[in-house]
Amino acid sequence: MQCICGGESVLQKGLIEFNTRFLGKIIVPDIEFLECDSCGDQLLTPEESDKAIDYIAGEERKRGIYRLRGKGK
């Protein structure tokens, strides 16, 4: 898949870093994503995005951080 910058997006699997409102930077393990070999832009599928959101929500619960989430979690 071609990136908007003209580079080639390559399927990767591993760790990906997110900046969250409540936890700051957090590393989410075992995520598949496309990464541009030129600019480094990363793209997740909707399923992998849900997986990352669930992981982050779990970390928030472990650390006692609760917030309203449309899914009732």
Protein backbone atom coordinates (compact mmCIF):
# COMPACT_ATOMS: atom_id res chain seq x y z
CA MET A 1 0.00 0.00 0.00
CA GLN A 2 1.36 3.41 -0.90
CA CYS A 3 1.59 6.15 1.73
CA ILE A 4 0.42 9.69 1.00
CA CYS A 5 4.10 10.79 1.05
CA GLY A 6 4.89 8.41 -1.80
CA GLY A 7 6.65 5.81 0.34
CA GLU A 8 5.55 2.20 0.71
CA SER A 9 3.53 1.09 3.77
CA VAL A 10 4.79 -2.22 5.13
CA LEU A 11 2.89 -4.53 7.51
CA GLN A 12 4.57 -4.63 10.93
CA LYS A 13 3.74 -6.39 14.19
CA GLY A 14 5.05 -5.31 17.54
CA LEU A 15 4.92 -2.45 19.99
CA ILE A 16 3.28 0.85 19.22
CA GLU A 17 3.35 4.02 21.34
CA PHE A 18 0.26 6.06 22.14
CA ASN A 19 -0.08 9.35 23.99
CA THR A 20 -3.09 9.14 26.30
CA ARG A 21 -4.84 11.85 28.24
CA PHE A 22 -4.73 10.05 31.59
CA LEU A 23 -1.60 7.86 31.39
CA GLY A 24 0.64 9.93 29.13
CA LYS A 25 2.81 7.79 26.86
CA ILE A 26 1.94 4.10 26.89
CA ILE A 27 3.35 1.20 24.88
CA VAL A 28 0.75 -1.21 23.51
CA PRO A 29 2.19 -4.66 22.71
CA ASP A 30 1.31 -7.13 19.97
CA ILE A 31 -0.31 -4.75 17.48
CA GLU A 32 -0.33 -5.16 13.68
CA PHE A 33 0.02 -1.91 11.76
CA LEU A 34 1.17 -0.49 8.47
CA GLU A 35 4.27 1.69 8.69
CA CYS A 36 5.61 3.88 5.89
CA ASP A 37 9.21 3.06 5.02
CA SER A 38 9.77 6.72 4.11
CA CYS A 39 8.02 8.98 6.64
CA GLY A 40 7.29 6.46 9.42
CA ASP A 41 3.57 7.19 9.51
CA GLN A 42 1.63 4.35 11.16
CA LEU A 43 -1.87 3.12 10.31
CA LEU A 44 -4.00 0.64 12.26
CA THR A 45 -7.04 -1.29 11.08
CA PRO A 46 -10.29 -0.70 12.98
CA GLU A 47 -9.85 -4.10 14.68
CA GLU A 48 -6.31 -3.31 15.83
CA SER A 49 -7.48 0.14 16.99
CA ASP A 50 -10.15 -1.55 19.14
CA LYS A 51 -7.48 -3.89 20.53
CA ALA A 52 -5.29 -0.89 21.46
CA ILE A 53 -8.23 0.96 23.04
CA ASP A 54 -9.13 -2.11 25.11
CA TYR A 55 -5.51 -2.48 26.26
CA ILE A 56 -5.29 1.18 27.28
CA ALA A 57 -8.65 1.00 29.10
CA GLY A 58 -7.39 -2.07 30.97
CA GLU A 59 -4.25 -0.21 32.03
CA GLU A 60 -6.40 2.71 33.22
CA ARG A 61 -8.53 0.33 35.30
CA LYS A 62 -5.41 -1.31 36.80
CA ARG A 63 -4.12 2.09 37.85
CA GLY A 64 -7.45 3.22 39.27
CA ILE A 65 -8.25 5.70 36.52
CA TYR A 66 -11.91 5.58 35.57
CA ARG A 67 -13.80 7.57 32.98
CA LEU A 68 -16.98 7.30 31.06
CA ARG A 69 -16.62 5.38 27.81
CA GLY A 70 -19.58 4.97 25.47
CA LYS A 71 -19.36 1.16 25.78
CA GLY A 72 -20.02 1.09 29.52
CA LYS A 73 -16.49 -0.12 30.36
